[in-house]
Amino acid sequence: MILVDTDIFIDYFRDYEPANAFFEKYSKDIHITYYTMMELISGAENKTQLKQIQESIFYPIQDTNNQIMQLSIKIYSKHKLTSGTGLIDSINAASAIFHNIDFYSRNSKHFKNIEKLKLKIPY
């Protein structure tokens, strides 16, 4: 099981070959959070894009609990100003830490200094 950040999905929707290869390799292991799904939906600029997102995202969704949210508050408080880590970044990182799974993102700036996060740069 791995957790995948929004940026990887965006690359996939843009038909970026390294992202396509990533999804082909890891498709059975990929999980997302509800927050990633919401970010993807928020990026839809029209009904066609919204439909593409809704039809393409069939990966298991990791639920959020109080422990994840408490950890995300700590991460957000510590890294917002120093690394630009966003609210959803913090929740996703906390989810990966809580479940002790690898987190794939191209955005190393927001995640590289988060303790216990197993950050993987996919391509």
N, C-alpha and C. Protein backbone atom coordinates (compact mmCIF):
# COMPACT_ATOMS: atom_id res chain seq x y z
N MET A 1 0.84 -1.17 0.00
CA MET A 1 0.00 0.00 0.00
C MET A 1 0.89 1.25 0.00
N ILE A 2 0.55 2.19 -0.87
CA ILE A 2 1.25 3.48 -0.92
C ILE A 2 0.20 4.59 -1.00
N LEU A 3 0.59 5.76 -0.55
CA LEU A 3 -0.29 6.93 -0.64
C LEU A 3 0.28 7.87 -1.70
N VAL A 4 -0.58 8.36 -2.58
CA VAL A 4 -0.13 9.16 -3.71
C VAL A 4 -0.70 10.57 -3.61
N ASP A 5 0.17 11.56 -3.82
CA ASP A 5 -0.20 12.97 -3.73
C ASP A 5 -0.90 13.43 -5.01
N THR A 6 -1.58 14.52 -4.90
CA THR A 6 -2.37 15.10 -5.99
C THR A 6 -1.52 15.38 -7.23
N ASP A 7 -0.30 15.83 -7.06
CA ASP A 7 0.52 16.22 -8.22
C ASP A 7 0.77 15.06 -9.18
N ILE A 8 0.85 13.86 -8.66
CA ILE A 8 1.07 12.69 -9.51
C ILE A 8 -0.18 12.42 -10.37
N PHE A 9 -1.35 12.58 -9.76
CA PHE A 9 -2.60 12.41 -10.51
C PHE A 9 -2.73 13.48 -11.59
N ILE A 10 -2.35 14.70 -11.27
CA ILE A 10 -2.42 15.78 -12.26
C ILE A 10 -1.54 15.45 -13.46
N ASP A 11 -0.34 14.96 -13.20
CA ASP A 11 0.54 14.55 -14.30
C ASP A 11 -0.11 13.45 -15.14
N TYR A 12 -0.76 12.52 -14.45
CA TYR A 12 -1.43 11.43 -15.15
C TYR A 12 -2.55 11.97 -16.06
N PHE A 13 -3.35 12.88 -15.54
CA PHE A 13 -4.43 13.46 -16.34
C PHE A 13 -3.91 14.29 -17.51
N ARG A 14 -2.69 14.77 -17.38
CA ARG A 14 -2.07 15.51 -18.49
C ARG A 14 -1.34 14.58 -19.45
N ASP A 15 -1.46 13.28 -19.21
CA ASP A 15 -0.86 12.24 -20.06
C ASP A 15 0.67 12.35 -20.11
N TYR A 16 1.25 12.65 -18.94
CA TYR A 16 2.71 12.73 -18.81
C TYR A 16 3.25 11.31 -18.69
N GLU A 17 4.10 10.91 -19.60
CA GLU A 17 4.54 9.52 -19.69
C GLU A 17 5.12 8.95 -18.39
N PRO A 18 6.00 9.66 -17.66
CA PRO A 18 6.49 9.10 -16.40
C PRO A 18 5.35 8.81 -15.40
N ALA A 19 4.32 9.65 -15.38
CA ALA A 19 3.18 9.41 -14.50
C ALA A 19 2.39 8.19 -14.96
N ASN A 20 2.22 8.06 -16.27
CA ASN A 20 1.53 6.89 -16.80
C ASN A 20 2.26 5.60 -16.41
N ALA A 21 3.58 5.62 -16.52
CA ALA A 21 4.38 4.45 -16.15
C ALA A 21 4.27 4.17 -14.65
N PHE A 22 4.25 5.23 -13.85
CA PHE A 22 4.10 5.08 -12.40
C PHE A 22 2.78 4.37 -12.07
N PHE A 23 1.69 4.85 -12.66
CA PHE A 23 0.38 4.25 -12.38
C PHE A 23 0.30 2.82 -12.90
N GLU A 24 0.95 2.55 -14.00
CA GLU A 24 0.97 1.18 -14.52
C GLU A 24 1.72 0.26 -13.54
N LYS A 25 2.82 0.74 -13.01
CA LYS A 25 3.63 -0.07 -12.10
C LYS A 25 2.96 -0.28 -10.74
N TYR A 26 2.33 0.76 -10.19
CA TYR A 26 1.84 0.72 -8.81
C TYR A 26 0.33 0.65 -8.67
N SER A 27 -0.42 0.48 -9.74
CA SER A 27 -1.87 0.62 -9.69
C SER A 27 -2.54 -0.21 -8.59
N LYS A 28 -2.03 -1.38 -8.31
CA LYS A 28 -2.64 -2.24 -7.29
C LYS A 28 -2.31 -1.80 -5.87
N ASP A 29 -1.32 -0.94 -5.70
CA ASP A 29 -0.88 -0.53 -4.37
C ASP A 29 -1.36 0.87 -3.98
N ILE A 30 -1.89 1.62 -4.93
CA ILE A 30 -2.20 3.03 -4.72
C ILE A 30 -3.44 3.21 -3.84
N HIS A 31 -3.29 4.13 -2.88
CA HIS A 31 -4.40 4.62 -2.06
C HIS A 31 -4.35 6.14 -2.11
N ILE A 32 -5.48 6.77 -1.84
CA ILE A 32 -5.53 8.23 -1.76
C ILE A 32 -6.29 8.61 -0.50
N THR A 33 -6.30 9.89 -0.20
CA THR A 33 -7.13 10.38 0.90
C THR A 33 -8.34 11.10 0.30
N TYR A 34 -9.34 11.32 1.14
CA TYR A 34 -10.50 12.10 0.71
C TYR A 34 -10.06 13.50 0.30
N TYR A 35 -9.02 14.00 0.93
CA TYR A 35 -8.55 15.36 0.67
C TYR A 35 -7.90 15.46 -0.71
N THR A 36 -7.20 14.42 -1.11
CA THR A 36 -6.64 14.39 -2.46
C THR A 36 -7.76 14.37 -3.49
N MET A 37 -8.77 13.55 -3.22
CA MET A 37 -9.91 13.50 -4.14
C MET A 37 -10.56 14.88 -4.25
N MET A 38 -10.72 15.57 -3.13
CA MET A 38 -11.33 16.91 -3.15
C MET A 38 -10.45 17.89 -3.93
N GLU A 39 -9.13 17.79 -3.76
CA GLU A 39 -8.22 18.66 -4.52
C GLU A 39 -8.36 18.43 -6.02
N LEU A 40 -8.45 17.17 -6.40
CA LEU A 40 -8.60 16.86 -7.82
C LEU A 40 -9.91 17.42 -8.37
N ILE A 41 -10.98 17.24 -7.63
CA ILE A 41 -12.27 17.77 -8.06
C ILE A 41 -12.23 19.29 -8.14
N SER A 42 -11.56 19.92 -7.18
CA SER A 42 -11.50 21.39 -7.18
C SER A 42 -10.73 21.93 -8.38
N GLY A 43 -9.86 21.12 -8.97
CA GLY A 43 -9.08 21.55 -10.13
C GLY A 43 -9.81 21.40 -11.45
N ALA A 44 -10.97 20.73 -11.43
CA ALA A 44 -11.73 20.55 -12.67
C ALA A 44 -12.24 21.90 -13.16
N GLU A 45 -12.00 22.18 -14.42
CA GLU A 45 -12.40 23.46 -14.99
C GLU A 45 -13.70 23.37 -15.77
N ASN A 46 -14.18 22.15 -16.01
CA ASN A 46 -15.44 21.99 -16.72
C ASN A 46 -16.01 20.60 -16.41
N LYS A 47 -17.20 20.33 -16.93
CA LYS A 47 -17.87 19.06 -16.63
C LYS A 47 -17.12 17.86 -17.22
N THR A 48 -16.48 18.07 -18.35
CA THR A 48 -15.71 16.98 -18.97
C THR A 48 -14.56 16.56 -18.07
N GLN A 49 -13.82 17.54 -17.55
CA GLN A 49 -12.71 17.23 -16.64
C GLN A 49 -13.23 16.59 -15.35
N LEU A 50 -14.33 17.10 -14.83
CA LEU A 50 -14.91 16.53 -13.61
C LEU A 50 -15.30 15.07 -13.83
N LYS A 51 -15.91 14.79 -14.95
CA LYS A 51 -16.30 13.42 -15.27
C LYS A 51 -15.08 12.52 -15.41
N GLN A 52 -14.03 13.03 -16.04
CA GLN A 52 -12.79 12.26 -16.19
C GLN A 52 -12.22 11.90 -14.83
N ILE A 53 -12.21 12.85 -13.93
CA ILE A 53 -11.69 12.60 -12.57
C ILE A 53 -12.54 11.54 -11.87
N GLN A 54 -13.83 11.74 -11.90
CA GLN A 54 -14.74 10.83 -11.20
C GLN A 54 -14.67 9.41 -11.76
N GLU A 55 -14.45 9.28 -13.04
CA GLU A 55 -14.38 7.95 -13.66
C GLU A 55 -13.01 7.31 -13.54
N SER A 56 -11.98 8.11 -13.31
CA SER A 56 -10.62 7.60 -13.27
C SER A 56 -10.14 7.24 -11.87
N ILE A 57 -10.73 7.84 -10.88
CA ILE A 57 -10.26 7.62 -9.51
C ILE A 57 -11.06 6.49 -8.88
N PHE A 58 -10.49 5.33 -8.91
CA PHE A 58 -11.14 4.15 -8.34
C PHE A 58 -10.27 3.50 -7.27
N TYR A 59 -9.31 4.25 -6.78
CA TYR A 59 -8.38 3.72 -5.79
C TYR A 59 -8.99 3.77 -4.39
N PRO A 60 -8.59 2.84 -3.53
CA PRO A 60 -9.12 2.88 -2.16
C PRO A 60 -8.77 4.21 -1.47
N ILE A 61 -9.69 4.68 -0.66
CA ILE A 61 -9.51 5.94 0.03
C ILE A 61 -9.22 5.67 1.50
N GLN A 62 -8.14 6.27 1.98
CA GLN A 62 -7.77 6.14 3.38
C GLN A 62 -8.62 7.07 4.23
N ASP A 63 -9.25 6.52 5.22
CA ASP A 63 -10.09 7.31 6.10
C ASP A 63 -9.21 8.14 7.05
N THR A 64 -9.77 9.16 7.60
CA THR A 64 -9.07 10.03 8.54
C THR A 64 -9.67 9.82 9.93
N ASN A 65 -8.81 9.82 10.93
CA ASN A 65 -9.28 9.68 12.30
C ASN A 65 -8.69 10.79 13.17
N ASN A 66 -9.02 10.79 14.44
CA ASN A 66 -8.55 11.84 15.34
C ASN A 66 -7.03 11.87 15.45
N GLN A 67 -6.40 10.71 15.47
CA GLN A 67 -4.94 10.66 15.58
C GLN A 67 -4.28 11.29 14.36
N ILE A 68 -4.81 11.00 13.19
CA ILE A 68 -4.26 11.59 11.97
C ILE A 68 -4.45 13.10 12.00
N MET A 69 -5.62 13.55 12.40
CA MET A 69 -5.87 14.99 12.42
C MET A 69 -5.00 15.70 13.46
N GLN A 70 -4.78 15.09 14.61
CA GLN A 70 -3.90 15.69 15.61
C GLN A 70 -2.47 15.78 15.09
N LEU A 71 -2.00 14.73 14.43
CA LEU A 71 -0.66 14.75 13.86
C LEU A 71 -0.58 15.78 12.74
N SER A 72 -1.62 15.89 11.94
CA SER A 72 -1.60 16.87 10.84
C SER A 72 -1.52 18.30 11.37
N ILE A 73 -2.15 18.57 12.49
CA ILE A 73 -2.05 19.90 13.11
C ILE A 73 -0.61 20.18 13.53
N LYS A 74 0.05 19.19 14.11
CA LYS A 74 1.46 19.36 14.51
C LYS A 74 2.34 19.62 13.28
N ILE A 75 2.12 18.83 12.24
CA ILE A 75 2.91 19.00 11.02
C ILE A 75 2.66 20.37 10.41
N TYR A 76 1.41 20.75 10.31
CA TYR A 76 1.04 22.04 9.71
C TYR A 76 1.65 23.20 10.50
N SER A 77 1.54 23.13 11.81
CA SER A 77 2.09 24.18 12.67
C SER A 77 3.60 24.31 12.52
N LYS A 78 4.26 23.19 12.39
CA LYS A 78 5.73 23.20 12.32
C LYS A 78 6.26 23.56 10.93
N HIS A 79 5.57 23.17 9.87
CA HIS A 79 6.14 23.28 8.53
C HIS A 79 5.46 24.30 7.61
N LYS A 80 4.35 24.88 8.02
CA LYS A 80 3.65 25.83 7.17
C LYS A 80 4.54 27.00 6.78
N LEU A 81 5.16 27.62 7.76
CA LEU A 81 5.96 28.83 7.50
C LEU A 81 7.35 28.52 6.97
N THR A 82 7.92 27.39 7.37
CA THR A 82 9.30 27.09 6.97
C THR A 82 9.39 26.41 5.61
N SER A 83 8.41 25.54 5.28
CA SER A 83 8.48 24.76 4.04
C SER A 83 7.32 25.02 3.10
N GLY A 84 6.35 25.81 3.54
CA GLY A 84 5.18 26.06 2.71
C GLY A 84 4.22 24.89 2.66
N THR A 85 4.32 24.00 3.63
CA THR A 85 3.45 22.84 3.68
C THR A 85 2.01 23.30 3.90
N GLY A 86 1.13 22.87 3.02
CA GLY A 86 -0.27 23.29 3.09
C GLY A 86 -1.10 22.41 4.01
N LEU A 87 -2.31 22.84 4.16
CA LEU A 87 -3.26 22.13 5.01
C LEU A 87 -3.46 20.69 4.54
N ILE A 88 -3.78 20.52 3.27
CA ILE A 88 -4.00 19.17 2.75
C ILE A 88 -2.70 18.38 2.70
N ASP A 89 -1.58 19.05 2.42
CA ASP A 89 -0.28 18.39 2.48
C ASP A 89 -0.07 17.77 3.87
N SER A 90 -0.42 18.53 4.89
CA SER A 90 -0.23 18.07 6.27
C SER A 90 -1.09 16.85 6.58
N ILE A 91 -2.32 16.88 6.12
CA ILE A 91 -3.22 15.74 6.36
C ILE A 91 -2.72 14.50 5.62
N ASN A 92 -2.31 14.69 4.37
CA ASN A 92 -1.80 13.54 3.61
C ASN A 92 -0.54 12.97 4.24
N ALA A 93 0.37 13.83 4.66
CA ALA A 93 1.60 13.36 5.31
C ALA A 93 1.28 12.62 6.60
N ALA A 94 0.37 13.17 7.39
CA ALA A 94 -0.02 12.52 8.64
C ALA A 94 -0.66 11.16 8.37
N SER A 95 -1.45 11.06 7.32
CA SER A 95 -2.07 9.77 6.96
C SER A 95 -1.01 8.74 6.62
N ALA A 96 -0.01 9.13 5.84
CA ALA A 96 1.06 8.20 5.47
C ALA A 96 1.86 7.77 6.70
N ILE A 97 2.15 8.72 7.57
CA ILE A 97 2.89 8.39 8.80
C ILE A 97 2.07 7.45 9.67
N PHE A 98 0.81 7.78 9.87
CA PHE A 98 -0.07 6.96 10.73
C PHE A 98 -0.15 5.53 10.23
N HIS A 99 -0.29 5.36 8.92
CA HIS A 99 -0.41 4.01 8.35
C HIS A 99 0.94 3.37 8.04
N ASN A 100 2.03 4.12 8.29
CA ASN A 100 3.39 3.63 8.08
C ASN A 100 3.59 3.13 6.64
N ILE A 101 3.21 3.99 5.70
CA ILE A 101 3.33 3.63 4.29
C ILE A 101 4.11 4.72 3.55
N ASP A 102 4.64 4.36 2.40
CA ASP A 102 5.36 5.32 1.56
C ASP A 102 4.39 6.35 1.01
N PHE A 103 4.89 7.58 0.90
CA PHE A 103 4.11 8.69 0.35
C PHE A 103 4.81 9.20 -0.90
N TYR A 104 4.14 9.13 -2.04
CA TYR A 104 4.72 9.54 -3.31
C TYR A 104 4.24 10.94 -3.69
N SER A 105 5.20 11.82 -3.90
CA SER A 105 4.92 13.18 -4.33
C SER A 105 6.15 13.72 -5.06
N ARG A 106 5.92 14.63 -6.00
CA ARG A 106 7.04 15.32 -6.64
C ARG A 106 7.41 16.58 -5.87
N ASN A 107 6.59 16.97 -4.93
CA ASN A 107 6.77 18.22 -4.22
C ASN A 107 7.64 18.02 -2.97
N SER A 108 8.90 17.79 -3.17
CA SER A 108 9.79 17.52 -2.03
C SER A 108 9.89 18.71 -1.08
N LYS A 109 9.77 19.93 -1.60
CA LYS A 109 9.89 21.11 -0.74
C LYS A 109 8.90 21.07 0.42
N HIS A 110 7.68 20.68 0.15
CA HIS A 110 6.65 20.69 1.20
C HIS A 110 6.77 19.52 2.17
N PHE A 111 7.49 18.47 1.78
CA PHE A 111 7.46 17.25 2.57
C PHE A 111 8.80 16.77 3.11
N LYS A 112 9.91 17.25 2.55
CA LYS A 112 11.21 16.64 2.85
C LYS A 112 11.63 16.73 4.31
N ASN A 113 11.14 17.69 5.05
CA ASN A 113 11.57 17.86 6.45
C ASN A 113 10.58 17.30 7.46
N ILE A 114 9.58 16.61 7.01
CA ILE A 114 8.58 16.06 7.94
C ILE A 114 9.10 14.75 8.51
N GLU A 115 9.27 14.74 9.81
CA GLU A 115 9.82 13.58 10.51
C GLU A 115 8.91 12.37 10.32
N LYS A 116 9.53 11.23 10.15
CA LYS A 116 8.89 9.92 10.02
C LYS A 116 8.11 9.73 8.72
N LEU A 117 8.08 10.75 7.87
CA LEU A 117 7.41 10.57 6.58
C LEU A 117 8.35 9.86 5.63
N LYS A 118 7.87 8.78 5.03
CA LYS A 118 8.66 8.03 4.05
C LYS A 118 8.32 8.57 2.67
N LEU A 119 8.95 9.72 2.35
CA LEU A 119 8.70 10.40 1.09
C LEU A 119 9.46 9.73 -0.04
N LYS A 120 8.76 9.50 -1.13
CA LYS A 120 9.36 8.92 -2.33
C LYS A 120 9.06 9.86 -3.49
N ILE A 121 10.09 10.20 -4.25
CA ILE A 121 9.92 11.01 -5.46
C ILE A 121 9.78 10.01 -6.61
N PRO A 122 8.64 10.00 -7.29
CA PRO A 122 8.36 8.91 -8.24
C PRO A 122 9.12 8.97 -9.55
N TYR A 123 9.46 10.18 -10.01
CA TYR A 123 10.16 10.32 -11.28
C TYR A 123 10.78 11.68 -11.34
